[in-house]
Amino acid sequence: MDEQLRVGLVGAGSWARRVHAPGIADHPATVLSAVWTRRPEAALALADEHGATACDSFDALLDTVDAVAFAVPPSVQGELAVRAAQAGRHLILEKPLATDVEQAERLAHAVSEADVVALLMLTLRYAVRTRDWLAGLAAAGGWTGGTARWLSGALLGEKYGNAAWRHELGALGDIGPHVFDLLDAALGEIDSVVAARRDAAGTWQVLVEHAGGATSAVTLASRLPIRPTAIEFAVYGESGLRTLGREPDGESASFTALLDDFAAMIDSGVREHPCDVRRGVHLQRVLAACETAAGVR
């Protein structure tokens, strides 16, 4: 690109400070030009750290940027991202995309109407190891089933435990998008939730069916006394068994890879991507189907 993209950051919490702000500021194709949050003092502190401008309103941020990155709860993102798309701004979005399917579909419609780039930050999918793993699965073929487990105590600690929205959505809404996305990419699109159960501790057990007939079983927990987090994916079939774990502290590298794709899409005019806003809508529907199957919706 001839000029750096001016990116505005909405949010100044832990994730924004650790991943979004330094990632945008350090990437050769982007510059962190503005920050806005409902807490002015937090926006000012983060903006000062990276030589950006702290805006006193969301509209003021929109007036000064080419793209907007969101690091806020899904209910806030689902509302403000529609306005950003309507203003012609490209979007970097967090998971889950919105509060519910209806809000997610409104956002996707706004993105389509405005013809802007909108990528979803699915940390695992942007990792090099994951991309290589998925490429190997596609080359081998013949997969008939899979399992995934993501067991952590994230909501018991200080790093994420103070985020009210994470407690509200629990393991399904917080880490479910990562897990369902990767199983979907590995085994084919998830087209039905066969069964789902949430126990008193908030641990989810889910059985899904994929297009083509494969099935996969998922366990999600974010309130177990487990450290470090246990993450493992496995698929099996005619080509044997293939497993994938997660490299610790890979968020920054994944965000850099997202920014690589984001800038390239804007420069080339491409709008479709495996992790675009339509992916977010699909995952929102899977989450809703899990809640319905478990009788909690």
C-alpha atoms as a PDB file:
ATOM      1  CA  MET A   1       0.000   0.000   0.000  1.00  0.00           C
ATOM      2  CA  ASP A   2       1.205   3.550  -0.760  1.00  0.00           C
ATOM      3  CA  GLU A   3       0.018   4.954   2.569  1.00  0.00           C
ATOM      4  CA  GLN A   4      -0.559   3.433   5.971  1.00  0.00           C
ATOM      5  CA  LEU A   5      -4.152   2.762   6.956  1.00  0.00           C
ATOM      6  CA  ARG A   6      -5.342   5.048   9.708  1.00  0.00           C
ATOM      7  CA  VAL A   7      -6.926   2.720  12.259  1.00  0.00           C
ATOM      8  CA  GLY A   8      -9.094   3.809  15.154  1.00  0.00           C
ATOM      9  CA  LEU A   9      -9.328   1.544  18.190  1.00  0.00           C
ATOM     10  CA  VAL A  10     -12.574   1.250  20.155  1.00  0.00           C
ATOM     11  CA  GLY A  11     -11.832  -0.086  23.629  1.00  0.00           C
ATOM     12  CA  ALA A  12      -8.981   0.208  26.105  1.00  0.00           C
ATOM     13  CA  GLY A  13      -9.238  -2.946  28.176  1.00  0.00           C
ATOM     14  CA  SER A  14      -6.670  -5.691  28.666  1.00  0.00           C
ATOM     15  CA  TRP A  15      -7.042  -7.190  25.173  1.00  0.00           C
ATOM     16  CA  ALA A  16      -6.884  -3.776  23.506  1.00  0.00           C
ATOM     17  CA  ARG A  17      -3.740  -2.849  25.451  1.00  0.00           C
ATOM     18  CA  ARG A  18      -1.929  -6.164  24.987  1.00  0.00           C
ATOM     19  CA  VAL A  19      -2.858  -7.091  21.400  1.00  0.00           C
ATOM     20  CA  HIS A  20      -4.741  -4.500  19.357  1.00  0.00           C
ATOM     21  CA  ALA A  21      -2.908  -1.278  20.151  1.00  0.00           C
ATOM     22  CA  PRO A  22       0.694  -2.536  19.847  1.00  0.00           C
ATOM     23  CA  GLY A  23      -0.200  -4.716  16.859  1.00  0.00           C
ATOM     24  CA  ILE A  24      -1.720  -1.836  14.907  1.00  0.00           C
ATOM     25  CA  ALA A  25       1.001   0.597  15.939  1.00  0.00           C
ATOM     26  CA  ASP A  26       3.833  -1.752  14.959  1.00  0.00           C
ATOM     27  CA  HIS A  27       2.468  -3.092  11.662  1.00  0.00           C
ATOM     28  CA  PRO A  28       4.016  -1.519   8.538  1.00  0.00           C
ATOM     29  CA  ALA A  29       0.639  -1.151   6.799  1.00  0.00           C
ATOM     30  CA  THR A  30      -1.250   0.494   9.669  1.00  0.00           C
ATOM     31  CA  VAL A  31      -0.961   3.348  12.106  1.00  0.00           C
ATOM     32  CA  LEU A  32      -2.919   3.659  15.341  1.00  0.00           C
ATOM     33  CA  SER A  33      -4.328   7.124  14.848  1.00  0.00           C
ATOM     34  CA  ALA A  34      -7.239   7.348  17.304  1.00  0.00           C
ATOM     35  CA  VAL A  35      -8.659   5.696  20.412  1.00  0.00           C
ATOM     36  CA  TRP A  36     -12.136   5.974  21.882  1.00  0.00           C
ATOM     37  CA  THR A  37     -13.799   4.289  24.808  1.00  0.00           C
ATOM     38  CA  ARG A  38     -16.569   5.171  27.216  1.00  0.00           C
ATOM     39  CA  ARG A  39     -13.843   5.710  29.838  1.00  0.00           C
ATOM     40  CA  PRO A  40     -12.046   8.903  28.693  1.00  0.00           C
ATOM     41  CA  GLU A  41      -9.104   8.478  31.056  1.00  0.00           C
ATOM     42  CA  ALA A  42      -8.405   4.972  29.729  1.00  0.00           C
ATOM     43  CA  ALA A  43      -8.579   6.164  26.121  1.00  0.00           C
ATOM     44  CA  LEU A  44      -6.191   9.019  26.861  1.00  0.00           C
ATOM     45  CA  ALA A  45      -3.658   6.739  28.566  1.00  0.00           C
ATOM     46  CA  LEU A  46      -3.651   4.213  25.719  1.00  0.00           C
ATOM     47  CA  ALA A  47      -3.534   6.917  23.031  1.00  0.00           C
ATOM     48  CA  ASP A  48      -0.605   8.657  24.711  1.00  0.00           C
ATOM     49  CA  GLU A  49       1.309   5.387  24.890  1.00  0.00           C
ATOM     50  CA  HIS A  50       1.163   4.978  21.113  1.00  0.00           C
ATOM     51  CA  GLY A  51       1.159   8.561  19.873  1.00  0.00           C
ATOM     52  CA  ALA A  52      -2.520   8.467  18.919  1.00  0.00           C
ATOM     53  CA  THR A  53      -5.375  10.889  19.515  1.00  0.00           C
ATOM     54  CA  ALA A  54      -7.941  10.223  22.225  1.00  0.00           C
ATOM     55  CA  CYS A  55     -11.365  11.072  20.788  1.00  0.00           C
ATOM     56  CA  ASP A  56     -14.249  12.339  22.878  1.00  0.00           C
ATOM     57  CA  SER A  57     -16.891  10.482  20.842  1.00  0.00           C
ATOM     58  CA  PHE A  58     -17.271   7.533  18.495  1.00  0.00           C
ATOM     59  CA  ASP A  59     -18.327   9.857  15.677  1.00  0.00           C
ATOM     60  CA  ALA A  60     -15.145  11.901  16.164  1.00  0.00           C
ATOM     61  CA  LEU A  61     -13.100   8.717  15.788  1.00  0.00           C
ATOM     62  CA  LEU A  62     -14.956   7.785  12.584  1.00  0.00           C
ATOM     63  CA  ASP A  63     -14.164  11.179  11.095  1.00  0.00           C
ATOM     64  CA  THR A  64     -10.405  10.644  11.347  1.00  0.00           C
ATOM     65  CA  VAL A  65      -9.796   6.998  10.326  1.00  0.00           C
ATOM     66  CA  ASP A  66      -9.936   4.568   7.404  1.00  0.00           C
ATOM     67  CA  ALA A  67     -10.674   1.513   9.547  1.00  0.00           C
ATOM     68  CA  VAL A  68     -11.937   0.670  13.014  1.00  0.00           C
ATOM     69  CA  ALA A  69     -10.730  -2.116  15.304  1.00  0.00           C
ATOM     70  CA  PHE A  70     -13.084  -3.212  18.072  1.00  0.00           C
ATOM     71  CA  ALA A  71     -11.998  -4.568  21.460  1.00  0.00           C
ATOM     72  CA  VAL A  72     -15.291  -4.258  23.307  1.00  0.00           C
ATOM     73  CA  PRO A  73     -18.129  -6.552  24.457  1.00  0.00           C
ATOM     74  CA  PRO A  74     -20.192  -8.088  21.621  1.00  0.00           C
ATOM     75  CA  SER A  75     -23.279  -6.038  22.484  1.00  0.00           C
ATOM     76  CA  VAL A  76     -21.305  -2.814  21.964  1.00  0.00           C
ATOM     77  CA  GLN A  77     -19.497  -4.081  18.874  1.00  0.00           C
ATOM     78  CA  GLY A  78     -22.737  -5.241  17.261  1.00  0.00           C
ATOM     79  CA  GLU A  79     -24.165  -1.751  17.570  1.00  0.00           C
ATOM     80  CA  LEU A  80     -21.185   0.452  16.754  1.00  0.00           C
ATOM     81  CA  ALA A  81     -19.712  -1.657  13.952  1.00  0.00           C
ATOM     82  CA  VAL A  82     -22.893  -1.165  11.915  1.00  0.00           C
ATOM     83  CA  ARG A  83     -22.408   2.602  12.156  1.00  0.00           C
ATOM     84  CA  ALA A  84     -18.746   2.271  11.204  1.00  0.00           C
ATOM     85  CA  ALA A  85     -19.571   0.173   8.133  1.00  0.00           C
ATOM     86  CA  GLN A  86     -22.277   2.621   7.078  1.00  0.00           C
ATOM     87  CA  ALA A  87     -19.653   5.348   7.292  1.00  0.00           C
ATOM     88  CA  GLY A  88     -17.480   3.372   4.860  1.00  0.00           C
ATOM     89  CA  ARG A  89     -14.891   2.239   7.391  1.00  0.00           C
ATOM     90  CA  HIS A  90     -13.212  -1.162   7.178  1.00  0.00           C
ATOM     91  CA  LEU A  91     -13.614  -3.326  10.277  1.00  0.00           C
ATOM     92  CA  ILE A  92     -11.512  -5.520  12.548  1.00  0.00           C
ATOM     93  CA  LEU A  93     -13.975  -7.420  14.710  1.00  0.00           C
ATOM     94  CA  GLU A  94     -13.813  -9.599  17.812  1.00  0.00           C
ATOM     95  CA  LYS A  95     -15.705 -12.772  18.542  1.00  0.00           C
ATOM     96  CA  PRO A  96     -18.524 -13.378  19.087  1.00  0.00           C
ATOM     97  CA  LEU A  97     -19.658 -10.991  16.399  1.00  0.00           C
ATOM     98  CA  ALA A  98     -22.712  -9.707  18.244  1.00  0.00           C
ATOM     99  CA  THR A  99     -25.228 -10.425  20.992  1.00  0.00           C
ATOM    100  CA  ASP A 100     -27.486 -12.604  18.864  1.00  0.00           C
ATOM    101  CA  VAL A 101     -28.062 -13.807  15.314  1.00  0.00           C
ATOM    102  CA  GLU A 102     -30.309 -10.902  14.376  1.00  0.00           C
ATOM    103  CA  GLN A 103     -27.706  -8.318  15.387  1.00  0.00           C
ATOM    104  CA  ALA A 104     -24.961 -10.274  13.613  1.00  0.00           C
ATOM    105  CA  GLU A 105     -27.004 -10.391  10.407  1.00  0.00           C
ATOM    106  CA  ARG A 106     -27.601  -6.629  10.555  1.00  0.00           C
ATOM    107  CA  LEU A 107     -23.862  -6.083  10.800  1.00  0.00           C
ATOM    108  CA  ALA A 108     -23.128  -8.416   7.889  1.00  0.00           C
ATOM    109  CA  HIS A 109     -25.748  -6.628   5.786  1.00  0.00           C
ATOM    110  CA  ALA A 110     -24.185  -3.243   6.575  1.00  0.00           C
ATOM    111  CA  VAL A 111     -20.747  -4.556   5.584  1.00  0.00           C
ATOM    112  CA  SER A 112     -22.081  -5.925   2.297  1.00  0.00           C
ATOM    113  CA  GLU A 113     -23.958  -2.725   1.467  1.00  0.00           C
ATOM    114  CA  ALA A 114     -20.904  -0.562   2.175  1.00  0.00           C
ATOM    115  CA  ASP A 115     -18.499  -2.937   0.361  1.00  0.00           C
ATOM    116  CA  VAL A 116     -15.906  -2.741   3.136  1.00  0.00           C
ATOM    117  CA  VAL A 117     -13.474  -5.335   4.489  1.00  0.00           C
ATOM    118  CA  ALA A 118     -14.531  -6.917   7.781  1.00  0.00           C
ATOM    119  CA  LEU A 119     -12.322  -9.569   9.400  1.00  0.00           C
ATOM    120  CA  LEU A 120     -12.999 -11.500  12.598  1.00  0.00           C
ATOM    121  CA  MET A 121     -10.143 -12.053  15.055  1.00  0.00           C
ATOM    122  CA  LEU A 122     -10.213 -15.849  15.396  1.00  0.00           C
ATOM    123  CA  THR A 123      -6.847 -16.289  17.069  1.00  0.00           C
ATOM    124  CA  LEU A 124      -6.272 -19.951  16.257  1.00  0.00           C
ATOM    125  CA  ARG A 125      -7.109 -19.640  12.558  1.00  0.00           C
ATOM    126  CA  TYR A 126      -4.391 -17.047  11.899  1.00  0.00           C
ATOM    127  CA  ALA A 127      -1.627 -19.120  13.504  1.00  0.00           C
ATOM    128  CA  VAL A 128       0.876 -20.672  11.075  1.00  0.00           C
ATOM    129  CA  ARG A 129       0.631 -24.069  12.787  1.00  0.00           C
ATOM    130  CA  THR A 130      -3.147 -24.070  12.350  1.00  0.00           C
ATOM    131  CA  ARG A 131      -2.978 -23.105   8.700  1.00  0.00           C
ATOM    132  CA  ASP A 132      -0.455 -25.880   8.044  1.00  0.00           C
ATOM    133  CA  TRP A 133      -2.593 -28.382   9.972  1.00  0.00           C
ATOM    134  CA  LEU A 134      -5.722 -27.514   8.002  1.00  0.00           C
ATOM    135  CA  ALA A 135      -3.833 -27.698   4.715  1.00  0.00           C
ATOM    136  CA  GLY A 136      -2.614 -31.174   5.641  1.00  0.00           C
ATOM    137  CA  LEU A 137      -6.136 -32.302   6.498  1.00  0.00           C
ATOM    138  CA  ALA A 138      -7.477 -31.025   3.194  1.00  0.00           C
ATOM    139  CA  ALA A 139      -4.726 -32.816   1.280  1.00  0.00           C
ATOM    140  CA  ALA A 140      -5.295 -36.140   3.053  1.00  0.00           C
ATOM    141  CA  GLY A 141      -9.109 -36.186   3.196  1.00  0.00           C
ATOM    142  CA  GLY A 142     -11.316 -38.977   4.466  1.00  0.00           C
ATOM    143  CA  TRP A 143     -12.033 -37.492   7.899  1.00  0.00           C
ATOM    144  CA  THR A 144     -15.160 -38.809   9.602  1.00  0.00           C
ATOM    145  CA  GLY A 145     -15.082 -37.272  13.065  1.00  0.00           C
ATOM    146  CA  GLY A 146     -13.316 -35.107  15.574  1.00  0.00           C
ATOM    147  CA  THR A 147     -13.065 -33.907  19.145  1.00  0.00           C
ATOM    148  CA  ALA A 148     -12.075 -30.664  20.788  1.00  0.00           C
ATOM    149  CA  ARG A 149     -11.515 -29.658  24.369  1.00  0.00           C
ATOM    150  CA  TRP A 150     -10.737 -26.218  25.747  1.00  0.00           C
ATOM    151  CA  LEU A 151     -10.456 -26.348  29.528  1.00  0.00           C
ATOM    152  CA  SER A 152      -9.331 -23.320  31.478  1.00  0.00           C
ATOM    153  CA  GLY A 153      -9.710 -21.232  34.588  1.00  0.00           C
ATOM    154  CA  ALA A 154      -9.672 -17.978  32.646  1.00  0.00           C
ATOM    155  CA  LEU A 155     -12.723 -16.558  34.397  1.00  0.00           C
ATOM    156  CA  LEU A 156     -11.210 -17.344  37.795  1.00  0.00           C
ATOM    157  CA  GLY A 157      -8.144 -15.152  37.218  1.00  0.00           C
ATOM    158  CA  GLU A 158      -7.448 -11.444  36.936  1.00  0.00           C
ATOM    159  CA  LYS A 159      -6.527 -11.428  33.240  1.00  0.00           C
ATOM    160  CA  TYR A 160     -10.074 -12.102  31.999  1.00  0.00           C
ATOM    161  CA  GLY A 161     -12.033 -12.592  35.201  1.00  0.00           C
ATOM    162  CA  ASN A 162     -13.009  -8.944  35.498  1.00  0.00           C
ATOM    163  CA  ALA A 163     -14.758  -8.865  32.116  1.00  0.00           C
ATOM    164  CA  ALA A 164     -18.476  -8.943  32.913  1.00  0.00           C
ATOM    165  CA  TRP A 165     -19.458  -9.932  29.386  1.00  0.00           C
ATOM    166  CA  ARG A 166     -17.246 -13.022  29.495  1.00  0.00           C
ATOM    167  CA  HIS A 167     -18.991 -14.177  32.665  1.00  0.00           C
ATOM    168  CA  GLU A 168     -22.368 -13.462  31.092  1.00  0.00           C
ATOM    169  CA  LEU A 169     -21.651 -15.459  27.919  1.00  0.00           C
ATOM    170  CA  GLY A 170     -19.575 -18.109  29.690  1.00  0.00           C
ATOM    171  CA  ALA A 171     -17.418 -20.655  27.928  1.00  0.00           C
ATOM    172  CA  LEU A 172     -19.832 -21.101  25.024  1.00  0.00           C
ATOM    173  CA  GLY A 173     -19.846 -17.472  23.911  1.00  0.00           C
ATOM    174  CA  ASP A 174     -16.265 -16.688  24.855  1.00  0.00           C
ATOM    175  CA  ILE A 175     -14.245 -19.644  23.576  1.00  0.00           C
ATOM    176  CA  GLY A 176     -16.912 -21.504  21.607  1.00  0.00           C
ATOM    177  CA  PRO A 177     -16.377 -19.419  18.438  1.00  0.00           C
ATOM    178  CA  HIS A 178     -12.706 -20.441  18.301  1.00  0.00           C
ATOM    179  CA  VAL A 179     -13.501 -24.130  18.745  1.00  0.00           C
ATOM    180  CA  PHE A 180     -16.469 -24.399  16.397  1.00  0.00           C
ATOM    181  CA  ASP A 181     -14.662 -22.387  13.749  1.00  0.00           C
ATOM    182  CA  LEU A 182     -11.669 -24.697  13.707  1.00  0.00           C
ATOM    183  CA  LEU A 183     -13.694 -27.919  13.716  1.00  0.00           C
ATOM    184  CA  ASP A 184     -15.842 -26.456  10.965  1.00  0.00           C
ATOM    185  CA  ALA A 185     -12.757 -25.653   8.891  1.00  0.00           C
ATOM    186  CA  ALA A 186     -11.346 -29.129   9.500  1.00  0.00           C
ATOM    187  CA  LEU A 187     -14.415 -31.306   8.947  1.00  0.00           C
ATOM    188  CA  GLY A 188     -16.854 -29.253   6.892  1.00  0.00           C
ATOM    189  CA  GLU A 189     -19.503 -26.728   7.769  1.00  0.00           C
ATOM    190  CA  ILE A 190     -21.438 -27.421  10.957  1.00  0.00           C
ATOM    191  CA  ASP A 191     -25.039 -27.787   9.866  1.00  0.00           C
ATOM    192  CA  SER A 192     -26.703 -29.026  13.062  1.00  0.00           C
ATOM    193  CA  VAL A 193     -26.234 -29.279  16.802  1.00  0.00           C
ATOM    194  CA  VAL A 194     -27.254 -32.821  17.735  1.00  0.00           C
ATOM    195  CA  ALA A 195     -27.062 -32.347  21.508  1.00  0.00           C
ATOM    196  CA  ALA A 196     -25.779 -29.822  24.032  1.00  0.00           C
ATOM    197  CA  ARG A 197     -25.579 -29.646  27.804  1.00  0.00           C
ATOM    198  CA  ARG A 198     -24.323 -27.050  30.277  1.00  0.00           C
ATOM    199  CA  ASP A 199     -23.665 -28.157  33.843  1.00  0.00           C
ATOM    200  CA  ALA A 200     -23.908 -26.113  37.031  1.00  0.00           C
ATOM    201  CA  ALA A 201     -20.250 -25.071  36.772  1.00  0.00           C
ATOM    202  CA  GLY A 202     -20.743 -23.714  33.258  1.00  0.00           C
ATOM    203  CA  THR A 203     -18.982 -26.549  31.445  1.00  0.00           C
ATOM    204  CA  TRP A 204     -20.456 -27.320  28.029  1.00  0.00           C
ATOM    205  CA  GLN A 205     -20.649 -30.661  26.241  1.00  0.00           C
ATOM    206  CA  VAL A 206     -21.751 -30.345  22.600  1.00  0.00           C
ATOM    207  CA  LEU A 207     -22.187 -32.832  19.754  1.00  0.00           C
ATOM    208  CA  VAL A 208     -22.407 -31.367  16.243  1.00  0.00           C
ATOM    209  CA  GLU A 209     -22.863 -32.761  12.759  1.00  0.00           C
ATOM    210  CA  HIS A 210     -20.988 -31.432   9.738  1.00  0.00           C
ATOM    211  CA  ALA A 211     -22.028 -31.253   6.117  1.00  0.00           C
ATOM    212  CA  GLY A 212     -20.916 -34.523   4.566  1.00  0.00           C
ATOM    213  CA  GLY A 213     -21.766 -36.577   7.657  1.00  0.00           C
ATOM    214  CA  ALA A 214     -18.793 -36.108   9.981  1.00  0.00           C
ATOM    215  CA  THR A 215     -19.529 -35.543  13.663  1.00  0.00           C
ATOM    216  CA  SER A 216     -17.505 -33.887  16.387  1.00  0.00           C
ATOM    217  CA  ALA A 217     -17.720 -33.662  20.169  1.00  0.00           C
ATOM    218  CA  VAL A 218     -16.750 -30.518  22.068  1.00  0.00           C
ATOM    219  CA  THR A 219     -16.006 -29.743  25.710  1.00  0.00           C
ATOM    220  CA  LEU A 220     -15.737 -26.099  26.797  1.00  0.00           C
ATOM    221  CA  ALA A 221     -14.910 -24.811  30.270  1.00  0.00           C
ATOM    222  CA  SER A 222     -13.565 -21.512  31.576  1.00  0.00           C
ATOM    223  CA  ARG A 223     -14.149 -21.857  35.320  1.00  0.00           C
ATOM    224  CA  LEU A 224     -12.038 -24.930  36.130  1.00  0.00           C
ATOM    225  CA  PRO A 225      -8.880 -24.665  38.304  1.00  0.00           C
ATOM    226  CA  ILE A 226      -6.624 -25.567  35.378  1.00  0.00           C
ATOM    227  CA  ARG A 227      -3.341 -23.858  34.511  1.00  0.00           C
ATOM    228  CA  PRO A 228      -2.116 -23.674  31.869  1.00  0.00           C
ATOM    229  CA  THR A 229      -5.195 -23.908  29.695  1.00  0.00           C
ATOM    230  CA  ALA A 230      -5.635 -27.337  28.094  1.00  0.00           C
ATOM    231  CA  ILE A 231      -6.482 -27.074  24.395  1.00  0.00           C
ATOM    232  CA  GLU A 232      -6.515 -29.978  21.980  1.00  0.00           C
ATOM    233  CA  PHE A 233      -8.179 -30.679  18.652  1.00  0.00           C
ATOM    234  CA  ALA A 234      -8.244 -34.085  16.985  1.00  0.00           C
ATOM    235  CA  VAL A 235      -9.726 -35.449  13.780  1.00  0.00           C
ATOM    236  CA  TYR A 236      -9.836 -39.073  12.694  1.00  0.00           C
ATOM    237  CA  GLY A 237     -10.846 -41.140   9.692  1.00  0.00           C
ATOM    238  CA  GLU A 238      -9.381 -43.028   6.756  1.00  0.00           C
ATOM    239  CA  SER A 239      -6.114 -41.087   7.024  1.00  0.00           C
ATOM    240  CA  GLY A 240      -5.613 -41.889  10.691  1.00  0.00           C
ATOM    241  CA  LEU A 241      -5.509 -39.376  13.524  1.00  0.00           C
ATOM    242  CA  ARG A 242      -4.274 -35.786  13.402  1.00  0.00           C
ATOM    243  CA  THR A 243      -4.056 -33.594  16.505  1.00  0.00           C
ATOM    244  CA  LEU A 244      -3.387 -29.932  17.118  1.00  0.00           C
ATOM    245  CA  GLY A 245      -2.583 -28.073  20.304  1.00  0.00           C
ATOM    246  CA  ARG A 246      -2.219 -24.359  20.851  1.00  0.00           C
ATOM    247  CA  GLU A 247       1.021 -22.511  21.186  1.00  0.00           C
ATOM    248  CA  PRO A 248       0.957 -20.299  24.303  1.00  0.00           C
ATOM    249  CA  ASP A 249       0.966 -16.525  23.908  1.00  0.00           C
ATOM    250  CA  GLY A 250       0.385 -16.601  20.167  1.00  0.00           C
ATOM    251  CA  GLU A 251      -2.183 -13.799  20.108  1.00  0.00           C
ATOM    252  CA  SER A 252       0.171 -11.088  18.893  1.00  0.00           C
ATOM    253  CA  ALA A 253       1.500 -13.151  15.992  1.00  0.00           C
ATOM    254  CA  SER A 254      -2.045 -14.058  14.970  1.00  0.00           C
ATOM    255  CA  PHE A 255      -3.139 -10.434  15.079  1.00  0.00           C
ATOM    256  CA  THR A 256      -0.201  -9.467  12.881  1.00  0.00           C
ATOM    257  CA  ALA A 257      -1.261 -12.138  10.376  1.00  0.00           C
ATOM    258  CA  LEU A 258      -4.803 -10.731  10.428  1.00  0.00           C
ATOM    259  CA  LEU A 259      -3.452  -7.248   9.695  1.00  0.00           C
ATOM    260  CA  ASP A 260      -1.423  -8.670   6.794  1.00  0.00           C
ATOM    261  CA  ASP A 261      -4.604 -10.082   5.246  1.00  0.00           C
ATOM    262  CA  PHE A 262      -6.651  -7.000   6.153  1.00  0.00           C
ATOM    263  CA  ALA A 263      -4.310  -4.582   4.396  1.00  0.00           C
ATOM    264  CA  ALA A 264      -3.930  -6.851   1.364  1.00  0.00           C
ATOM    265  CA  MET A 265      -7.711  -7.146   0.960  1.00  0.00           C
ATOM    266  CA  ILE A 266      -8.209  -3.400   1.117  1.00  0.00           C
ATOM    267  CA  ASP A 267      -5.400  -2.834  -1.375  1.00  0.00           C
ATOM    268  CA  SER A 268      -6.641  -5.481  -3.833  1.00  0.00           C
ATOM    269  CA  GLY A 269     -10.385  -4.932  -3.514  1.00  0.00           C
ATOM    270  CA  VAL A 270     -10.979  -8.517  -2.341  1.00  0.00           C
ATOM    271  CA  ARG A 271     -13.855  -8.843   0.129  1.00  0.00           C
ATOM    272  CA  GLU A 272     -14.161 -12.584   0.835  1.00  0.00           C
ATOM    273  CA  HIS A 273     -12.026 -14.325   3.459  1.00  0.00           C
ATOM    274  CA  PRO A 274     -12.368 -17.510   5.555  1.00  0.00           C
ATOM    275  CA  CYS A 275     -12.644 -15.324   8.666  1.00  0.00           C
ATOM    276  CA  ASP A 276     -14.806 -12.507   7.342  1.00  0.00           C
ATOM    277  CA  VAL A 277     -18.052 -11.158   8.780  1.00  0.00           C
ATOM    278  CA  ARG A 278     -20.078 -13.940   7.175  1.00  0.00           C
ATOM    279  CA  ARG A 279     -18.055 -16.417   9.189  1.00  0.00           C
ATOM    280  CA  GLY A 280     -19.045 -14.503  12.287  1.00  0.00           C
ATOM    281  CA  VAL A 281     -22.727 -14.829  11.416  1.00  0.00           C
ATOM    282  CA  HIS A 282     -22.361 -18.582  10.859  1.00  0.00           C
ATOM    283  CA  LEU A 283     -20.672 -19.014  14.233  1.00  0.00           C
ATOM    284  CA  GLN A 284     -23.361 -16.903  15.899  1.00  0.00           C
ATOM    285  CA  ARG A 285     -25.964 -19.314  14.531  1.00  0.00           C
ATOM    286  CA  VAL A 286     -24.032 -22.295  15.897  1.00  0.00           C
ATOM    287  CA  LEU A 287     -23.902 -20.686  19.359  1.00  0.00           C
ATOM    288  CA  ALA A 288     -27.639 -20.028  19.249  1.00  0.00           C
ATOM    289  CA  ALA A 289     -28.310 -23.626  18.204  1.00  0.00           C
ATOM    290  CA  CYS A 290     -26.242 -24.880  21.164  1.00  0.00           C
ATOM    291  CA  GLU A 291     -28.284 -22.764  23.569  1.00  0.00           C
ATOM    292  CA  THR A 292     -31.522 -24.030  22.056  1.00  0.00           C
ATOM    293  CA  ALA A 293     -30.393 -27.667  22.255  1.00  0.00           C
ATOM    294  CA  ALA A 294     -29.360 -27.206  25.875  1.00  0.00           C
ATOM    295  CA  GLY A 295     -32.653 -25.524  26.773  1.00  0.00           C
ATOM    296  CA  VAL A 296     -30.991 -22.341  28.017  1.00  0.00           C
ATOM    297  CA  ARG A 297     -32.415 -20.044  25.331  1.00  0.00           C
END
